[in-house]
Amino acid sequence: MTTMEEPDPFRVPEESGPTGRGTGWEPPGGAATVPPPGAVPAAPPQPPAAGVVPAPVPVPAPVPGPGPATGAVPLPRQQPYGPPSYAVNAPYGAPYAMMPPGPPRNGLGTASLVLGVIAAAVCWTFYLSPLAVILGVLALVLGVLGAARARRGGATNRGAALGGLWTGAGAAVIGAVLSALLVGHLLQVIEVESEAGSELLAGAGVTVRFEDGLTVTMPEPQLSASGAIATVEVRLRNEGSDAAGLGGAELYVLVGERELPGRDVRLETPLPGSLDPGQSWTARYTVTVPSGAGEFGVDYAPGRDYAFGYWRLPLPGGAGEESGDGERDRDRDRDNEDTADV
């Protein structure tokens, strides 16, 4: 049995003729278009004579190329490149968009002017001069900041800022001078001039004299019928040349080393605000007498500008001694209730 030999795929194909058809390739015009070896090339065509229309030259039909081999997979067609996806930068030196300017910030200058005006209004007041110093300093600081902002173009009220600056500075200077005088006035204390009441304890009926001419005399306290309540009189007289201010008078009562609480010492006759030269006034205090008390120690200042004077006032009859039957205690309670009603 004869077996067919398989063709060798790597064997060179044999030539079948001069046209080279065995190679599987053929020129586009056929074999006739290929000149044989050694042939003389034909002369170039001559231009047509005048008046003669040349015949049209036939155009050979396109010969399709060899198709893809059997079982071959065609390659995917590459897509053309598209436009660049990144953003094109603006040309160098292109101007940026400018933000519109905001409204002027005139708050500092306005606040400085307002504070400066208020400080100038109160700096002439003796007791409000410390407030003028504070407001003037604030107006000065805000005025400096407001003027600087206006110089940078952030504000339009440079005049108001400068006005508040100078007004606040002037008010602060005037207020500082008056504040110093006020502090000196408040710290000034009218001392006791007489020896009694300062170096020595003044007794009942002894007059204590202060430096401005005000005199204070305290007679012996008067006891109630039960002896539970004592009335202390304070007799004041202005023998000086100026009015004596009696606002803020203070009186403290001591029994031995113990100070009586405020609820046991009551002012029954209020003091006037001031006492003119030559005038007199008597203030009365009621004091709850503790058991066993024989005398009062009294510290008294007739006003907030006065120093304290000191008295020792004996109680008549050894007041405050307890009785065996408790009658004095009942009278003391009754007198306390009457005093509370007043």
Protein backbone atom coordinates (compact mmCIF):
# COMPACT_ATOMS: atom_id res chain seq x y z
CA MET A 1 0.00 0.00 0.00
CA THR A 2 1.43 3.31 -1.11
CA THR A 3 1.27 6.20 1.31
CA MET A 4 0.95 9.77 0.15
CA GLU A 5 3.79 11.93 1.20
CA GLU A 6 2.81 15.00 3.07
CA PRO A 7 4.11 18.26 1.52
CA ASP A 8 6.91 19.85 3.38
CA PRO A 9 5.72 23.27 4.53
CA PHE A 10 9.31 24.50 4.78
CA ARG A 11 10.26 23.49 1.18
CA VAL A 12 11.04 26.27 -1.31
CA PRO A 13 8.37 26.26 -4.06
CA GLU A 14 9.58 25.32 -7.49
CA GLU A 15 9.58 27.76 -10.37
CA SER A 16 7.15 26.85 -13.11
CA GLY A 17 8.18 29.38 -15.74
CA PRO A 18 9.71 32.71 -16.51
CA THR A 19 6.70 34.54 -15.27
CA GLY A 20 7.29 33.37 -11.73
CA ARG A 21 3.73 32.22 -11.15
CA GLY A 22 4.97 29.39 -9.01
CA THR A 23 5.91 31.91 -6.33
CA GLY A 24 2.33 32.94 -5.82
CA TRP A 25 3.04 36.54 -6.68
CA GLU A 26 2.25 38.30 -9.91
CA PRO A 27 2.72 41.90 -10.90
CA PRO A 28 -0.39 44.04 -11.07
CA GLY A 29 -0.44 44.21 -14.87
CA GLY A 30 0.16 40.53 -15.45
CA ALA A 31 3.21 38.73 -16.77
CA ALA A 32 3.26 40.82 -19.93
CA THR A 33 4.15 43.91 -17.96
CA VAL A 34 7.44 42.43 -16.79
CA PRO A 35 10.16 42.76 -19.49
CA PRO A 36 12.25 39.74 -20.11
CA PRO A 37 15.86 39.84 -19.08
CA GLY A 38 18.12 41.59 -21.60
CA ALA A 39 15.26 43.29 -23.43
CA VAL A 40 15.72 46.85 -24.69
CA PRO A 41 13.29 49.24 -23.05
CA ALA A 42 10.76 50.81 -25.33
CA ALA A 43 11.07 54.42 -26.38
CA PRO A 44 9.05 56.89 -24.38
CA PRO A 45 5.74 57.84 -25.89
CA GLN A 46 5.75 60.86 -28.14
CA PRO A 47 3.39 63.73 -27.54
CA PRO A 48 0.38 63.71 -29.85
CA ALA A 49 0.40 65.83 -32.93
CA ALA A 50 -1.49 69.04 -33.05
CA GLY A 51 -5.17 68.50 -33.46
CA VAL A 52 -5.01 64.78 -32.59
CA VAL A 53 -6.89 63.65 -29.46
CA PRO A 54 -5.00 60.92 -27.70
CA ALA A 55 -6.78 57.72 -26.94
CA PRO A 56 -7.58 57.13 -23.27
CA VAL A 57 -5.15 54.98 -21.46
CA PRO A 58 -6.82 52.05 -19.78
CA VAL A 59 -6.44 51.99 -16.00
CA PRO A 60 -5.77 48.51 -14.69
CA ALA A 61 -8.20 47.24 -12.09
CA PRO A 62 -6.78 46.83 -8.57
CA VAL A 63 -5.69 43.35 -7.79
CA PRO A 64 -6.73 42.25 -4.29
CA GLY A 65 -3.92 41.25 -2.06
CA PRO A 66 -3.60 37.90 -0.42
CA GLY A 67 -6.22 37.34 2.34
CA PRO A 68 -5.45 36.20 5.83
CA ALA A 69 -4.32 32.68 6.28
CA THR A 70 -6.79 30.11 7.46
CA GLY A 71 -7.20 30.17 11.25
CA ALA A 72 -5.40 33.51 11.62
CA VAL A 73 -6.93 36.05 14.05
CA PRO A 74 -6.97 39.60 12.71
CA LEU A 75 -5.34 42.18 14.96
CA PRO A 76 -7.63 44.80 16.45
CA ARG A 77 -7.60 48.06 14.66
CA GLN A 78 -5.85 50.77 16.63
CA GLN A 79 -8.03 53.71 17.44
CA PRO A 80 -6.68 57.13 16.48
CA TYR A 81 -5.44 59.34 19.29
CA GLY A 82 -8.03 61.77 20.54
CA PRO A 83 -7.57 65.28 21.86
CA PRO A 84 -5.55 65.64 25.10
CA SER A 85 -7.59 65.15 28.23
CA TYR A 86 -5.62 67.63 30.36
CA ALA A 87 -6.60 71.26 30.52
CA VAL A 88 -4.52 73.66 28.51
CA ASN A 89 -2.85 76.17 30.80
CA ALA A 90 -3.61 79.79 30.35
CA PRO A 91 -0.87 81.76 28.60
CA TYR A 92 1.81 83.07 30.90
CA GLY A 93 1.07 86.53 32.17
CA ALA A 94 -2.72 86.33 31.79
CA PRO A 95 -4.38 88.66 34.39
CA TYR A 96 -6.23 87.06 37.31
CA ALA A 97 -9.82 87.94 38.09
CA MET A 98 -9.86 90.69 40.72
CA MET A 99 -12.31 90.41 43.66
CA PRO A 100 -14.48 93.47 44.13
CA PRO A 101 -13.48 95.49 47.23
CA GLY A 102 -15.69 95.04 50.32
CA PRO A 103 -17.40 97.81 52.32
CA PRO A 104 -15.15 100.06 54.46
CA ARG A 105 -14.54 98.90 58.03
CA ASN A 106 -15.16 102.08 59.99
CA GLY A 107 -16.06 100.48 63.33
CA LEU A 108 -12.83 101.34 65.15
CA GLY A 109 -12.87 104.99 64.22
CA THR A 110 -16.55 105.40 65.12
CA ALA A 111 -16.13 103.66 68.48
CA SER A 112 -13.09 105.83 69.26
CA LEU A 113 -15.03 109.02 68.58
CA VAL A 114 -18.02 107.94 70.70
CA LEU A 115 -15.86 106.93 73.67
CA GLY A 116 -13.82 110.11 73.39
CA VAL A 117 -16.94 112.29 73.52
CA ILE A 118 -18.29 110.44 76.57
CA ALA A 119 -14.93 110.66 78.33
CA ALA A 120 -14.75 114.42 77.66
CA ALA A 121 -18.26 114.84 79.11
CA VAL A 122 -17.53 113.07 82.42
CA CYS A 123 -13.89 114.02 82.98
CA TRP A 124 -14.93 117.30 84.65
CA THR A 125 -17.02 115.45 87.25
CA PHE A 126 -15.07 114.96 90.46
CA TYR A 127 -16.47 111.57 91.42
CA LEU A 128 -16.70 110.23 87.82
CA SER A 129 -13.16 111.20 86.86
CA PRO A 130 -11.86 107.58 87.18
CA LEU A 131 -14.44 106.53 84.57
CA ALA A 132 -13.18 109.28 82.27
CA VAL A 133 -9.65 107.86 82.53
CA ILE A 134 -10.82 104.39 81.45
CA LEU A 135 -12.95 105.66 78.56
CA GLY A 136 -10.24 108.06 77.43
CA VAL A 137 -7.60 105.34 77.25
CA LEU A 138 -9.96 103.10 75.26
CA ALA A 139 -10.72 105.96 72.85
CA LEU A 140 -6.98 106.59 72.42
CA VAL A 141 -6.20 102.95 71.58
CA LEU A 142 -9.15 102.54 69.20
CA GLY A 143 -8.29 105.84 67.52
CA VAL A 144 -4.74 104.69 66.78
CA LEU A 145 -6.01 101.40 65.32
CA GLY A 146 -8.72 103.13 63.29
CA ALA A 147 -6.28 105.67 61.82
CA ALA A 148 -3.88 102.87 60.86
CA ARG A 149 -6.70 100.95 59.14
CA ALA A 150 -7.74 104.06 57.22
CA ARG A 151 -4.12 104.62 56.11
CA ARG A 152 -4.08 101.07 54.67
CA GLY A 153 -7.29 101.73 52.77
CA GLY A 154 -9.55 99.52 54.87
CA ALA A 155 -11.58 102.43 56.31
CA THR A 156 -12.77 105.84 55.16
CA ASN A 157 -13.22 107.69 58.48
CA ARG A 158 -9.68 108.64 59.36
CA GLY A 159 -10.91 112.02 60.60
CA ALA A 160 -13.29 110.42 63.10
CA ALA A 161 -10.52 108.11 64.33
CA LEU A 162 -8.14 111.03 64.88
CA GLY A 163 -10.88 113.04 66.60
CA GLY A 164 -11.58 110.21 69.02
CA LEU A 165 -7.84 109.74 69.59
CA TRP A 166 -7.16 113.34 70.64
CA THR A 167 -10.43 113.75 72.54
CA GLY A 168 -9.81 110.57 74.52
CA ALA A 169 -6.22 111.56 75.27
CA GLY A 170 -7.25 114.96 76.65
CA ALA A 171 -10.10 113.51 78.72
CA ALA A 172 -7.79 110.85 80.15
CA VAL A 173 -5.28 113.49 81.30
CA ILE A 174 -7.94 115.66 82.98
CA GLY A 175 -9.59 112.62 84.54
CA ALA A 176 -6.26 111.40 85.91
CA VAL A 177 -5.63 114.73 87.67
CA LEU A 178 -9.10 114.81 89.23
CA SER A 179 -8.85 111.13 90.17
CA ALA A 180 -5.67 111.83 92.13
CA LEU A 181 -7.46 114.63 94.01
CA LEU A 182 -10.41 112.34 94.64
CA VAL A 183 -8.22 109.63 96.11
CA GLY A 184 -6.55 112.17 98.37
CA HIS A 185 -9.93 113.43 99.49
CA LEU A 186 -11.23 109.96 100.21
CA LEU A 187 -8.13 109.01 102.14
CA GLN A 188 -8.23 112.18 104.21
CA VAL A 189 -9.38 111.37 107.75
CA ILE A 190 -10.35 113.99 110.34
CA GLU A 191 -8.57 112.92 113.49
CA VAL A 192 -9.53 113.48 117.11
CA GLU A 193 -7.84 116.65 118.34
CA SER A 194 -8.53 116.40 122.08
CA GLU A 195 -6.61 114.13 124.37
CA ALA A 196 -9.84 112.56 125.64
CA GLY A 197 -11.20 110.20 123.08
CA SER A 198 -7.87 109.53 121.40
CA GLU A 199 -5.11 108.92 123.96
CA LEU A 200 -7.51 108.46 126.87
CA LEU A 201 -10.97 106.96 127.12
CA ALA A 202 -13.51 109.75 127.47
CA GLY A 203 -15.97 109.40 130.33
CA ALA A 204 -19.65 110.29 130.57
CA GLY A 205 -20.19 114.03 129.92
CA VAL A 206 -16.63 114.55 128.58
CA THR A 207 -16.44 116.42 125.26
CA VAL A 208 -14.31 114.97 122.46
CA ARG A 209 -13.17 117.48 119.83
CA PHE A 210 -12.22 116.73 116.20
CA GLU A 211 -9.80 118.71 114.01
CA ASP A 212 -12.53 120.46 111.99
CA GLY A 213 -14.25 121.82 115.13
CA LEU A 214 -16.94 119.15 115.52
CA THR A 215 -17.48 118.17 119.19
CA VAL A 216 -19.11 114.99 120.53
CA THR A 217 -20.42 114.48 124.07
CA MET A 218 -22.01 111.33 125.52
CA PRO A 219 -23.82 111.56 128.89
CA GLU A 220 -24.38 108.55 131.13
CA PRO A 221 -26.72 106.00 129.48
CA GLN A 222 -30.33 105.82 130.72
CA LEU A 223 -31.84 102.44 131.56
CA SER A 224 -35.41 101.34 131.01
CA ALA A 225 -37.60 100.41 133.96
CA SER A 226 -36.60 96.77 133.63
CA GLY A 227 -32.93 97.63 133.09
CA ALA A 228 -32.81 95.52 129.92
CA ILE A 229 -32.55 98.45 127.48
CA ALA A 230 -30.11 101.34 127.72
CA THR A 231 -30.40 104.60 125.75
CA VAL A 232 -27.13 106.16 124.65
CA GLU A 233 -27.28 109.83 123.55
CA VAL A 234 -24.67 111.31 121.19
CA ARG A 235 -24.68 115.13 121.29
CA LEU A 236 -22.91 116.77 118.34
CA ARG A 237 -22.09 120.44 117.78
CA ASN A 238 -20.25 122.06 114.88
CA GLU A 239 -17.92 124.73 116.27
CA GLY A 240 -15.86 124.94 113.09
CA SER A 241 -16.10 127.24 110.08
CA ASP A 242 -17.17 124.64 107.48
CA ALA A 243 -20.07 122.25 107.26
CA ALA A 244 -19.41 118.87 108.83
CA GLY A 245 -20.54 115.83 106.84
CA LEU A 246 -22.29 113.28 109.03
CA GLY A 247 -23.05 110.64 106.42
CA GLY A 248 -21.88 107.15 107.28
CA ALA A 249 -21.68 107.56 111.07
CA GLU A 250 -20.80 104.35 112.96
CA LEU A 251 -21.25 103.32 116.60
CA TYR A 252 -20.03 100.06 118.20
CA VAL A 253 -20.78 98.99 121.77
CA LEU A 254 -18.53 96.62 123.70
CA VAL A 255 -19.11 94.82 126.99
CA GLY A 256 -15.70 93.89 128.26
CA GLU A 257 -13.88 92.50 125.20
CA ARG A 258 -17.03 91.39 123.42
CA GLU A 259 -18.67 93.55 120.79
CA LEU A 260 -22.46 93.48 120.79
CA PRO A 261 -24.05 92.35 117.52
CA GLY A 262 -25.71 94.90 115.27
CA ARG A 263 -29.21 93.67 116.10
CA ASP A 264 -28.65 94.76 119.75
CA VAL A 265 -27.65 98.33 118.77
CA ARG A 266 -30.29 100.43 116.99
CA LEU A 267 -30.27 104.04 115.85
CA GLU A 268 -33.55 105.63 116.93
CA THR A 269 -32.90 109.23 115.80
CA PRO A 270 -31.31 109.44 112.33
CA LEU A 271 -28.49 111.90 111.70
CA PRO A 272 -28.69 114.72 109.14
CA GLY A 273 -26.43 114.59 106.12
CA SER A 274 -24.37 117.54 107.31
CA LEU A 275 -24.18 119.98 110.18
CA ASP A 276 -23.62 123.66 109.46
CA PRO A 277 -21.37 125.82 111.67
CA GLY A 278 -23.04 126.63 114.99
CA GLN A 279 -25.67 123.88 114.70
CA SER A 280 -26.20 121.04 117.18
CA TRP A 281 -27.82 117.59 116.91
CA THR A 282 -28.56 114.73 119.30
CA ALA A 283 -28.66 111.15 118.05
CA ARG A 284 -30.13 108.40 120.25
CA TYR A 285 -29.24 104.71 120.20
CA THR A 286 -30.95 101.88 122.10
CA VAL A 287 -28.77 99.03 123.31
CA THR A 288 -29.85 95.66 124.66
CA VAL A 289 -28.01 95.23 127.98
CA PRO A 290 -26.41 91.81 128.43
CA SER A 291 -26.65 90.05 131.77
CA GLY A 292 -24.00 91.17 134.25
CA ALA A 293 -22.95 94.26 132.26
CA GLY A 294 -21.75 97.17 134.43
CA GLU A 295 -20.45 99.57 131.76
CA PHE A 296 -20.26 100.14 128.02
CA GLY A 297 -17.26 100.72 125.86
CA VAL A 298 -18.26 102.90 122.88
CA ASP A 299 -16.35 103.46 119.61
CA TYR A 300 -17.93 106.26 117.60
CA ALA A 301 -17.16 108.02 114.29
CA PRO A 302 -19.59 110.87 113.44
CA GLY A 303 -19.08 110.43 109.67
CA ARG A 304 -17.18 108.45 107.04
CA ASP A 305 -14.48 111.15 106.93
CA TYR A 306 -13.88 111.03 110.68
CA ALA A 307 -11.66 108.87 112.79
CA PHE A 308 -13.08 106.92 115.75
CA GLY A 309 -13.26 108.38 119.23
CA TYR A 310 -13.42 106.15 122.33
CA TRP A 311 -15.66 106.36 125.45
CA ARG A 312 -16.22 104.39 128.62
CA LEU A 313 -19.77 104.83 129.91
CA PRO A 314 -20.79 103.31 133.26
CA LEU A 315 -24.29 101.90 133.64
CA PRO A 316 -26.19 103.27 136.67
CA GLY A 317 -26.89 100.88 139.53
CA GLY A 318 -24.88 97.95 138.17
CA ALA A 319 -27.41 97.26 135.47
CA GLY A 320 -27.74 93.85 134.07
CA GLU A 321 -27.58 91.86 137.36
CA GLU A 322 -29.82 88.86 137.34
CA SER A 323 -32.61 88.51 139.94
CA GLY A 324 -33.45 85.23 141.56
CA ASP A 325 -37.07 85.16 140.47
CA GLY A 326 -36.27 85.90 136.78
CA GLU A 327 -38.39 89.06 136.72
CA ARG A 328 -35.57 91.05 135.06
CA ASP A 329 -35.29 88.46 132.29
CA ARG A 330 -39.00 88.74 131.55
CA ASP A 331 -38.79 92.54 131.46
CA ARG A 332 -35.80 92.34 129.10
CA ASP A 333 -37.75 90.14 126.69
CA ARG A 334 -40.71 92.52 126.82
CA ASP A 335 -38.50 95.53 126.13
CA ASN A 336 -36.88 93.73 123.20
CA GLU A 337 -40.27 93.15 121.65
CA ASP A 338 -41.22 96.84 122.11
CA THR A 339 -37.95 97.95 120.51
CA ALA A 340 -38.46 95.59 117.57
CA ASP A 341 -41.89 97.16 116.95
CA VAL A 342 -40.28 100.58 116.72
